[in-house]
C-alpha cells in the first residue's frame, strides 16, 4: 500500500462498496476479496473491513438525518440488541465448510429478494409502521441474531435487516435503510473493539478504505432519499442476484 495507484484504487473500491451497502447490502463481498488480494490474511481482512464499515455508517447515518429521516428510538433498541449479538459473533470460531455455507446463503438471498422486492406495492403507499408492542419485541430478538451474524461475517447482513424491517415492521425501504445503517454503526463498535483487542486490524489499510466507504455512504444516503423506494427495489434485485451467483459458483 505504498503506491498512489493502490491507495486510489482502494479508496475507489471503498466508495463503490459504501454506496452498495447503503442502498442495499453486500458491499463487503467487494472489499474483502480486495483486502485479501493486497496480502491480508482472511481473518485480518475481515477485521480491517470493519474500520471502513464503522466510518461508512457514521457518515451514512448523518446523511439520512440531513434529509430528515429520523429513526430514533426504534433503531437504538435494535442496535443495542444487535450489539450484544455481535460481541458473541465476533468471538465465534466455528469450522464451517465454506462451499456448503455459501450455497445455503445464496438460496437465502434469493428468498429474501422474492419476499421483499416482489411483494405487493400497495402497502408502500399507505404504510402503517409497526414499531411497538409485540412487533418491537420480535424484531429486537431477531436483531440479536442478526448481530451474531454481522459480528461474525458482516457480508450480506443488510439484506436480512431490510427483509425484517420491511416485512415485519412494515417500514419503507428508504427508512429501513436508515435504520439499518444506524444498527450496523452501533454493533460494529463492539466488533471493532473485539478485533482490536485481539490485534487483528491493519489500521493503515482500514482507514484508507474507510475514506472511500464513508464518501460513498454519505452520497448514496442523500441520493436514495430523493429517489425513494423504487430505486432501492431495483438496486436490491441486482445486488441480491449478483451476490447469490457469486456465493453459489465462486
C-alpha atoms as a PDB file:
ATOM      1  CA  UNK A   1       0.000   0.000   0.000  1.00  0.00           C
ATOM      2  CA  UNK A   2       2.783   2.418  -0.835  1.00  0.00           C
ATOM      3  CA  UNK A   3       1.904   3.402  -4.405  1.00  0.00           C
ATOM      4  CA  UNK A   4      -0.602   6.104  -5.319  1.00  0.00           C
ATOM      5  CA  UNK A   5      -2.395   3.698  -7.655  1.00  0.00           C
ATOM      6  CA  UNK A   6      -3.001   1.178  -4.853  1.00  0.00           C
ATOM      7  CA  UNK A   7      -4.268   3.853  -2.471  1.00  0.00           C
ATOM      8  CA  UNK A   8      -6.521   5.457  -5.099  1.00  0.00           C
ATOM      9  CA  UNK A   9      -7.819   2.050  -6.151  1.00  0.00           C
ATOM     10  CA  UNK A  10      -8.659   1.082  -2.571  1.00  0.00           C
ATOM     11  CA  UNK A  11     -10.477   4.378  -1.991  1.00  0.00           C
ATOM     12  CA  UNK A  12     -12.472   3.855  -5.188  1.00  0.00           C
ATOM     13  CA  UNK A  13     -13.433   0.306  -4.208  1.00  0.00           C
ATOM     14  CA  UNK A  14     -14.437   1.619  -0.789  1.00  0.00           C
ATOM     15  CA  UNK A  15     -16.577   4.329  -2.404  1.00  0.00           C
ATOM     16  CA  UNK A  16     -18.460   1.779  -4.515  1.00  0.00           C
ATOM     17  CA  UNK A  17     -18.852  -0.586  -1.542  1.00  0.00           C
ATOM     18  CA  UNK A  18     -20.113   2.241   0.675  1.00  0.00           C
ATOM     19  CA  UNK A  19     -22.793   3.125  -1.869  1.00  0.00           C
ATOM     20  CA  UNK A  20     -23.776  -0.536  -2.299  1.00  0.00           C
ATOM     21  CA  UNK A  21     -24.000  -1.090   1.461  1.00  0.00           C
ATOM     22  CA  UNK A  22     -26.166   1.992   1.872  1.00  0.00           C
ATOM     23  CA  UNK A  23     -28.575   1.255  -0.962  1.00  0.00           C
ATOM     24  CA  UNK A  24     -28.928  -2.473  -0.280  1.00  0.00           C
ATOM     25  CA  UNK A  25     -26.063  -4.534   1.145  1.00  0.00           C
ATOM     26  CA  UNK A  26     -23.290  -6.871   0.079  1.00  0.00           C
ATOM     27  CA  UNK A  27     -20.536  -4.302  -0.333  1.00  0.00           C
ATOM     28  CA  UNK A  28     -18.211  -6.377   1.832  1.00  0.00           C
ATOM     29  CA  UNK A  29     -18.254  -9.046  -0.866  1.00  0.00           C
ATOM     30  CA  UNK A  30     -16.331  -6.499  -2.922  1.00  0.00           C
ATOM     31  CA  UNK A  31     -13.959  -5.149  -0.273  1.00  0.00           C
ATOM     32  CA  UNK A  32     -12.986  -8.441   1.387  1.00  0.00           C
ATOM     33  CA  UNK A  33     -11.503 -10.012  -1.774  1.00  0.00           C
ATOM     34  CA  UNK A  34      -9.604  -6.777  -2.463  1.00  0.00           C
ATOM     35  CA  UNK A  35      -8.118  -6.746   1.027  1.00  0.00           C
ATOM     36  CA  UNK A  36      -7.081 -10.385   0.674  1.00  0.00           C
ATOM     37  CA  UNK A  37      -5.615  -9.603  -2.771  1.00  0.00           C
ATOM     38  CA  UNK A  38      -3.496  -6.900  -1.118  1.00  0.00           C
ATOM     39  CA  UNK A  39      -1.934  -9.604   1.048  1.00  0.00           C
ATOM     40  CA  UNK A  40      -4.016  -9.586   4.225  1.00  0.00           C
ATOM     41  CA  UNK A  41      -4.910 -12.978   5.723  1.00  0.00           C
ATOM     42  CA  UNK A  42      -8.694 -13.601   5.644  1.00  0.00           C
ATOM     43  CA  UNK A  43      -9.180 -13.032   9.394  1.00  0.00           C
ATOM     44  CA  UNK A  44      -7.256  -9.737   9.297  1.00  0.00           C
ATOM     45  CA  UNK A  45      -9.093  -8.661   6.134  1.00  0.00           C
ATOM     46  CA  UNK A  46     -12.411  -9.375   7.877  1.00  0.00           C
ATOM     47  CA  UNK A  47     -11.374  -7.311  10.910  1.00  0.00           C
ATOM     48  CA  UNK A  48      -9.832  -4.478   8.866  1.00  0.00           C
ATOM     49  CA  UNK A  49     -13.002  -4.174   6.801  1.00  0.00           C
ATOM     50  CA  UNK A  50     -14.894  -3.236   9.987  1.00  0.00           C
ATOM     51  CA  UNK A  51     -12.977   0.043  10.246  1.00  0.00           C
ATOM     52  CA  UNK A  52     -14.364   1.060   6.872  1.00  0.00           C
ATOM     53  CA  UNK A  53     -17.855  -0.130   7.864  1.00  0.00           C
ATOM     54  CA  UNK A  54     -17.684   1.906  11.076  1.00  0.00           C
ATOM     55  CA  UNK A  55     -16.808   5.187   9.368  1.00  0.00           C
ATOM     56  CA  UNK A  56     -19.170   4.480   6.497  1.00  0.00           C
ATOM     57  CA  UNK A  57     -22.144   4.221   8.827  1.00  0.00           C
ATOM     58  CA  UNK A  58     -21.190   7.294  10.836  1.00  0.00           C
ATOM     59  CA  UNK A  59     -21.394   9.379   7.665  1.00  0.00           C
ATOM     60  CA  UNK A  60     -24.353   7.491   6.216  1.00  0.00           C
ATOM     61  CA  UNK A  61     -26.404   7.978   9.363  1.00  0.00           C
ATOM     62  CA  UNK A  62     -25.593  11.687   9.216  1.00  0.00           C
ATOM     63  CA  UNK A  63     -26.588  11.722   5.541  1.00  0.00           C
ATOM     64  CA  UNK A  64     -30.026  10.263   6.219  1.00  0.00           C
ATOM     65  CA  UNK A  65     -30.531  12.622   9.159  1.00  0.00           C
ATOM     66  CA  UNK A  66     -29.658  15.636   6.997  1.00  0.00           C
ATOM     67  CA  UNK A  67     -32.530  14.608   4.711  1.00  0.00           C
ATOM     68  CA  UNK A  68     -34.985  14.454   7.608  1.00  0.00           C
ATOM     69  CA  UNK A  69     -35.083  10.677   8.064  1.00  0.00           C
ATOM     70  CA  UNK A  70     -35.374  10.111  11.830  1.00  0.00           C
ATOM     71  CA  UNK A  71     -35.212   6.544  13.166  1.00  0.00           C
ATOM     72  CA  UNK A  72     -34.870   7.066  16.938  1.00  0.00           C
ATOM     73  CA  UNK A  73     -35.594   5.475  19.348  1.00  0.00           C
ATOM     74  CA  UNK A  74     -36.546   2.336  17.359  1.00  0.00           C
ATOM     75  CA  UNK A  75     -33.106   1.988  15.765  1.00  0.00           C
ATOM     76  CA  UNK A  76     -31.442   2.275  19.179  1.00  0.00           C
ATOM     77  CA  UNK A  77     -33.439  -0.647  20.580  1.00  0.00           C
ATOM     78  CA  UNK A  78     -32.489  -2.804  17.617  1.00  0.00           C
ATOM     79  CA  UNK A  79     -28.907  -1.555  17.663  1.00  0.00           C
ATOM     80  CA  UNK A  80     -28.338  -2.451  21.306  1.00  0.00           C
ATOM     81  CA  UNK A  81     -29.769  -5.930  20.740  1.00  0.00           C
ATOM     82  CA  UNK A  82     -27.568  -6.421  17.670  1.00  0.00           C
ATOM     83  CA  UNK A  83     -24.560  -5.109  19.607  1.00  0.00           C
ATOM     84  CA  UNK A  84     -24.973  -7.834  22.227  1.00  0.00           C
ATOM     85  CA  UNK A  85     -25.203 -10.421  19.472  1.00  0.00           C
ATOM     86  CA  UNK A  86     -22.155  -9.042  17.661  1.00  0.00           C
ATOM     87  CA  UNK A  87     -19.976  -9.500  20.744  1.00  0.00           C
ATOM     88  CA  UNK A  88     -20.764 -13.199  20.557  1.00  0.00           C
ATOM     89  CA  UNK A  89     -20.439 -13.327  16.783  1.00  0.00           C
ATOM     90  CA  UNK A  90     -17.045 -11.602  16.703  1.00  0.00           C
ATOM     91  CA  UNK A  91     -15.628 -14.235  19.055  1.00  0.00           C
ATOM     92  CA  UNK A  92     -17.064 -17.284  17.336  1.00  0.00           C
ATOM     93  CA  UNK A  93     -14.521 -19.570  15.721  1.00  0.00           C
ATOM     94  CA  UNK A  94     -16.548 -22.364  14.213  1.00  0.00           C
ATOM     95  CA  UNK A  95     -15.238 -24.582  11.445  1.00  0.00           C
ATOM     96  CA  UNK A  96     -17.922 -24.255   8.781  1.00  0.00           C
ATOM     97  CA  UNK A  97     -17.483 -25.841   5.363  1.00  0.00           C
ATOM     98  CA  UNK A  98     -17.319 -22.832   3.098  1.00  0.00           C
ATOM     99  CA  UNK A  99     -18.929 -24.358  -0.009  1.00  0.00           C
ATOM    100  CA  UNK A 100     -22.000 -25.624   1.838  1.00  0.00           C
ATOM    101  CA  UNK A 101     -22.388 -22.386   3.786  1.00  0.00           C
ATOM    102  CA  UNK A 102     -22.130 -20.255   0.620  1.00  0.00           C
ATOM    103  CA  UNK A 103     -24.773 -22.285  -1.228  1.00  0.00           C
ATOM    104  CA  UNK A 104     -27.194 -22.074   1.698  1.00  0.00           C
ATOM    105  CA  UNK A 105     -26.635 -18.318   1.922  1.00  0.00           C
ATOM    106  CA  UNK A 106     -27.175 -17.973  -1.835  1.00  0.00           C
ATOM    107  CA  UNK A 107     -30.586 -19.646  -1.505  1.00  0.00           C
ATOM    108  CA  UNK A 108     -31.449 -17.367   1.425  1.00  0.00           C
ATOM    109  CA  UNK A 109     -30.552 -14.309  -0.639  1.00  0.00           C
ATOM    110  CA  UNK A 110     -32.875 -15.380  -3.459  1.00  0.00           C
ATOM    111  CA  UNK A 111     -35.703 -15.938  -0.946  1.00  0.00           C
ATOM    112  CA  UNK A 112     -35.033 -12.512   0.540  1.00  0.00           C
ATOM    113  CA  UNK A 113     -35.389 -10.753  -2.794  1.00  0.00           C
ATOM    114  CA  UNK A 114     -38.508 -12.780  -3.561  1.00  0.00           C
ATOM    115  CA  UNK A 115     -40.219 -11.957  -0.273  1.00  0.00           C
ATOM    116  CA  UNK A 116     -39.221  -8.305  -0.059  1.00  0.00           C
ATOM    117  CA  UNK A 117     -38.771  -6.885  -3.535  1.00  0.00           C
ATOM    118  CA  UNK A 118     -41.651  -8.658  -5.254  1.00  0.00           C
ATOM    119  CA  UNK A 119     -44.246  -8.291  -2.515  1.00  0.00           C
ATOM    120  CA  UNK A 120     -47.343  -6.217  -3.437  1.00  0.00           C
ATOM    121  CA  UNK A 121     -46.698  -2.497  -3.759  1.00  0.00           C
ATOM    122  CA  UNK A 122     -49.988  -1.391  -2.240  1.00  0.00           C
ATOM    123  CA  UNK A 123     -48.602  -1.317   1.284  1.00  0.00           C
ATOM    124  CA  UNK A 124     -45.841   1.054   0.225  1.00  0.00           C
ATOM    125  CA  UNK A 125     -48.321   3.852  -0.431  1.00  0.00           C
ATOM    126  CA  UNK A 126     -50.111   3.712   2.900  1.00  0.00           C
ATOM    127  CA  UNK A 127     -47.638   2.357   5.395  1.00  0.00           C
ATOM    128  CA  UNK A 128     -48.654   1.878   8.992  1.00  0.00           C
ATOM    129  CA  UNK A 129     -45.370   1.219  10.752  1.00  0.00           C
ATOM    130  CA  UNK A 130     -45.321  -1.500  13.390  1.00  0.00           C
ATOM    131  CA  UNK A 131     -42.580  -0.474  15.798  1.00  0.00           C
ATOM    132  CA  UNK A 132     -44.182  -1.057  19.184  1.00  0.00           C
ATOM    133  CA  UNK A 133     -45.726  -3.855  21.223  1.00  0.00           C
ATOM    134  CA  UNK A 134     -45.105  -7.400  20.034  1.00  0.00           C
ATOM    135  CA  UNK A 135     -43.529  -6.233  16.777  1.00  0.00           C
ATOM    136  CA  UNK A 136     -40.883  -4.322  18.703  1.00  0.00           C
ATOM    137  CA  UNK A 137     -40.088  -7.356  20.857  1.00  0.00           C
ATOM    138  CA  UNK A 138     -39.961  -9.776  17.922  1.00  0.00           C
ATOM    139  CA  UNK A 139     -37.707  -7.522  15.850  1.00  0.00           C
ATOM    140  CA  UNK A 140     -35.468  -6.873  18.862  1.00  0.00           C
ATOM    141  CA  UNK A 141     -34.979 -10.612  19.359  1.00  0.00           C
ATOM    142  CA  UNK A 142     -34.367 -11.182  15.657  1.00  0.00           C
ATOM    143  CA  UNK A 143     -31.791  -8.394  15.572  1.00  0.00           C
ATOM    144  CA  UNK A 144     -29.806 -10.120  18.307  1.00  0.00           C
ATOM    145  CA  UNK A 145     -29.219 -12.998  15.886  1.00  0.00           C
ATOM    146  CA  UNK A 146     -28.600 -10.521  13.075  1.00  0.00           C
ATOM    147  CA  UNK A 147     -25.888  -9.071  15.303  1.00  0.00           C
ATOM    148  CA  UNK A 148     -24.350 -12.527  15.820  1.00  0.00           C
ATOM    149  CA  UNK A 149     -24.120 -12.974  12.061  1.00  0.00           C
ATOM    150  CA  UNK A 150     -22.925  -9.411  11.489  1.00  0.00           C
ATOM    151  CA  UNK A 151     -20.243  -9.667  14.146  1.00  0.00           C
ATOM    152  CA  UNK A 152     -19.012 -12.924  12.650  1.00  0.00           C
ATOM    153  CA  UNK A 153     -19.124 -12.283   8.893  1.00  0.00           C
ATOM    154  CA  UNK A 154     -20.913  -8.977   8.018  1.00  0.00           C
ATOM    155  CA  UNK A 155     -21.263  -9.658   4.273  1.00  0.00           C
ATOM    156  CA  UNK A 156     -24.939  -9.690   3.268  1.00  0.00           C
ATOM    157  CA  UNK A 157     -26.289  -8.699   6.681  1.00  0.00           C
ATOM    158  CA  UNK A 158     -28.019  -5.667   5.165  1.00  0.00           C
ATOM    159  CA  UNK A 159     -30.345  -7.862   3.087  1.00  0.00           C
ATOM    160  CA  UNK A 160     -31.527  -9.690   6.201  1.00  0.00           C
ATOM    161  CA  UNK A 161     -32.160  -6.427   8.061  1.00  0.00           C
ATOM    162  CA  UNK A 162     -34.158  -4.976   5.166  1.00  0.00           C
ATOM    163  CA  UNK A 163     -36.294  -8.104   4.988  1.00  0.00           C
ATOM    164  CA  UNK A 164     -37.172  -7.904   8.699  1.00  0.00           C
ATOM    165  CA  UNK A 165     -37.822  -4.164   8.714  1.00  0.00           C
ATOM    166  CA  UNK A 166     -39.908  -4.027   5.535  1.00  0.00           C
ATOM    167  CA  UNK A 167     -41.896  -7.215   6.143  1.00  0.00           C
ATOM    168  CA  UNK A 168     -42.287  -7.480   9.914  1.00  0.00           C
ATOM    169  CA  UNK A 169     -42.288  -3.782  10.819  1.00  0.00           C
ATOM    170  CA  UNK A 170     -43.893  -2.517   7.597  1.00  0.00           C
ATOM    171  CA  UNK A 171     -41.307   0.227   7.169  1.00  0.00           C
ATOM    172  CA  UNK A 172     -40.487   1.760   3.783  1.00  0.00           C
ATOM    173  CA  UNK A 173     -37.240   0.675   2.155  1.00  0.00           C
ATOM    174  CA  UNK A 174     -35.730   4.151   2.385  1.00  0.00           C
ATOM    175  CA  UNK A 175     -36.369   4.382   6.119  1.00  0.00           C
ATOM    176  CA  UNK A 176     -35.379   0.726   6.576  1.00  0.00           C
ATOM    177  CA  UNK A 177     -32.012   1.604   5.069  1.00  0.00           C
ATOM    178  CA  UNK A 178     -31.654   4.472   7.529  1.00  0.00           C
ATOM    179  CA  UNK A 179     -32.419   2.138  10.444  1.00  0.00           C
ATOM    180  CA  UNK A 180     -30.062  -0.475   9.016  1.00  0.00           C
ATOM    181  CA  UNK A 181     -27.041   1.830   8.913  1.00  0.00           C
ATOM    182  CA  UNK A 182     -27.682   3.036  12.466  1.00  0.00           C
ATOM    183  CA  UNK A 183     -27.894  -0.540  13.749  1.00  0.00           C
ATOM    184  CA  UNK A 184     -24.722  -1.533  11.892  1.00  0.00           C
ATOM    185  CA  UNK A 185     -22.944   1.514  13.309  1.00  0.00           C
ATOM    186  CA  UNK A 186     -23.845   0.519  16.868  1.00  0.00           C
ATOM    187  CA  UNK A 187     -22.871  -3.141  16.678  1.00  0.00           C
ATOM    188  CA  UNK A 188     -19.755  -2.501  14.600  1.00  0.00           C
ATOM    189  CA  UNK A 189     -18.307  -0.556  17.536  1.00  0.00           C
ATOM    190  CA  UNK A 190     -18.263  -3.705  19.662  1.00  0.00           C
ATOM    191  CA  UNK A 191     -16.909  -5.816  16.799  1.00  0.00           C
ATOM    192  CA  UNK A 192     -14.048  -3.349  16.248  1.00  0.00           C
ATOM    193  CA  UNK A 193     -13.221  -3.409  19.965  1.00  0.00           C
ATOM    194  CA  UNK A 194     -13.064  -7.216  19.940  1.00  0.00           C
ATOM    195  CA  UNK A 195     -10.888  -7.306  16.828  1.00  0.00           C
ATOM    196  CA  UNK A 196      -8.637  -4.511  18.105  1.00  0.00           C
ATOM    197  CA  UNK A 197      -8.194  -6.291  21.430  1.00  0.00           C
ATOM    198  CA  UNK A 198      -7.035  -9.365  19.538  1.00  0.00           C
ATOM    199  CA  UNK A 199      -4.720  -7.201  17.385  1.00  0.00           C
ATOM    200  CA  UNK A 200      -6.058  -8.390  14.025  1.00  0.00           C
ATOM    201  CA  UNK A 201      -6.722  -4.994  12.397  1.00  0.00           C
ATOM    202  CA  UNK A 202      -4.479  -3.358   9.808  1.00  0.00           C
ATOM    203  CA  UNK A 203      -5.244   0.244  10.736  1.00  0.00           C
ATOM    204  CA  UNK A 204      -3.474   1.892   7.800  1.00  0.00           C
ATOM    205  CA  UNK A 205      -5.346  -0.048   5.140  1.00  0.00           C
ATOM    206  CA  UNK A 206      -8.584   0.117   7.123  1.00  0.00           C
ATOM    207  CA  UNK A 207      -8.513   3.915   7.345  1.00  0.00           C
ATOM    208  CA  UNK A 208      -7.706   4.287   3.632  1.00  0.00           C
ATOM    209  CA  UNK A 209     -10.633   2.044   2.766  1.00  0.00           C
ATOM    210  CA  UNK A 210     -12.798   3.968   5.246  1.00  0.00           C
ATOM    211  CA  UNK A 211     -12.241   7.182   3.290  1.00  0.00           C
ATOM    212  CA  UNK A 212     -13.942   5.629   0.281  1.00  0.00           C
ATOM    213  CA  UNK A 213     -16.686   3.849   2.232  1.00  0.00           C
ATOM    214  CA  UNK A 214     -17.631   6.992   4.120  1.00  0.00           C
ATOM    215  CA  UNK A 215     -17.822   9.089   0.945  1.00  0.00           C
ATOM    216  CA  UNK A 216     -19.900   6.510  -0.897  1.00  0.00           C
ATOM    217  CA  UNK A 217     -22.237   6.046   2.056  1.00  0.00           C
ATOM    218  CA  UNK A 218     -22.802   9.779   2.536  1.00  0.00           C
ATOM    219  CA  UNK A 219     -23.668  10.451  -1.101  1.00  0.00           C
ATOM    220  CA  UNK A 220     -25.800   7.320  -1.526  1.00  0.00           C
ATOM    221  CA  UNK A 221     -27.838   8.028   1.603  1.00  0.00           C
ATOM    222  CA  UNK A 222     -28.823  11.524   0.463  1.00  0.00           C
ATOM    223  CA  UNK A 223     -29.451  10.402  -3.116  1.00  0.00           C
ATOM    224  CA  UNK A 224     -31.628   7.434  -2.113  1.00  0.00           C
ATOM    225  CA  UNK A 225     -33.969   9.636  -0.060  1.00  0.00           C
ATOM    226  CA  UNK A 226     -34.669  11.738  -3.150  1.00  0.00           C
ATOM    227  CA  UNK A 227     -35.194   8.690  -5.393  1.00  0.00           C
ATOM    228  CA  UNK A 228     -37.422   6.736  -2.992  1.00  0.00           C
ATOM    229  CA  UNK A 229     -38.302   3.037  -2.701  1.00  0.00           C
ATOM    230  CA  UNK A 230     -38.363   2.422  -6.459  1.00  0.00           C
ATOM    231  CA  UNK A 231     -34.610   2.882  -6.736  1.00  0.00           C
ATOM    232  CA  UNK A 232     -33.951   0.702  -3.688  1.00  0.00           C
ATOM    233  CA  UNK A 233     -36.034  -2.155  -5.103  1.00  0.00           C
ATOM    234  CA  UNK A 234     -34.219  -2.130  -8.447  1.00  0.00           C
ATOM    235  CA  UNK A 235     -30.840  -1.978  -6.759  1.00  0.00           C
ATOM    236  CA  UNK A 236     -31.782  -4.812  -4.414  1.00  0.00           C
ATOM    237  CA  UNK A 237     -32.748  -7.065  -7.304  1.00  0.00           C
ATOM    238  CA  UNK A 238     -29.385  -6.564  -8.999  1.00  0.00           C
ATOM    239  CA  UNK A 239     -27.284  -6.911  -5.841  1.00  0.00           C
ATOM    240  CA  UNK A 240     -29.064  -9.956  -4.426  1.00  0.00           C
ATOM    241  CA  UNK A 241     -28.887 -11.827  -7.746  1.00  0.00           C
ATOM    242  CA  UNK A 242     -25.181 -10.990  -8.165  1.00  0.00           C
ATOM    243  CA  UNK A 243     -24.455 -11.995  -4.569  1.00  0.00           C
ATOM    244  CA  UNK A 244     -26.324 -15.299  -4.950  1.00  0.00           C
ATOM    245  CA  UNK A 245     -24.424 -16.121  -8.162  1.00  0.00           C
ATOM    246  CA  UNK A 246     -21.086 -15.339  -6.527  1.00  0.00           C
ATOM    247  CA  UNK A 247     -21.853 -17.435  -3.444  1.00  0.00           C
ATOM    248  CA  UNK A 248     -23.115 -20.399  -5.476  1.00  0.00           C
ATOM    249  CA  UNK A 249     -20.462 -20.590  -8.192  1.00  0.00           C
ATOM    250  CA  UNK A 250     -17.314 -18.960  -6.748  1.00  0.00           C
END
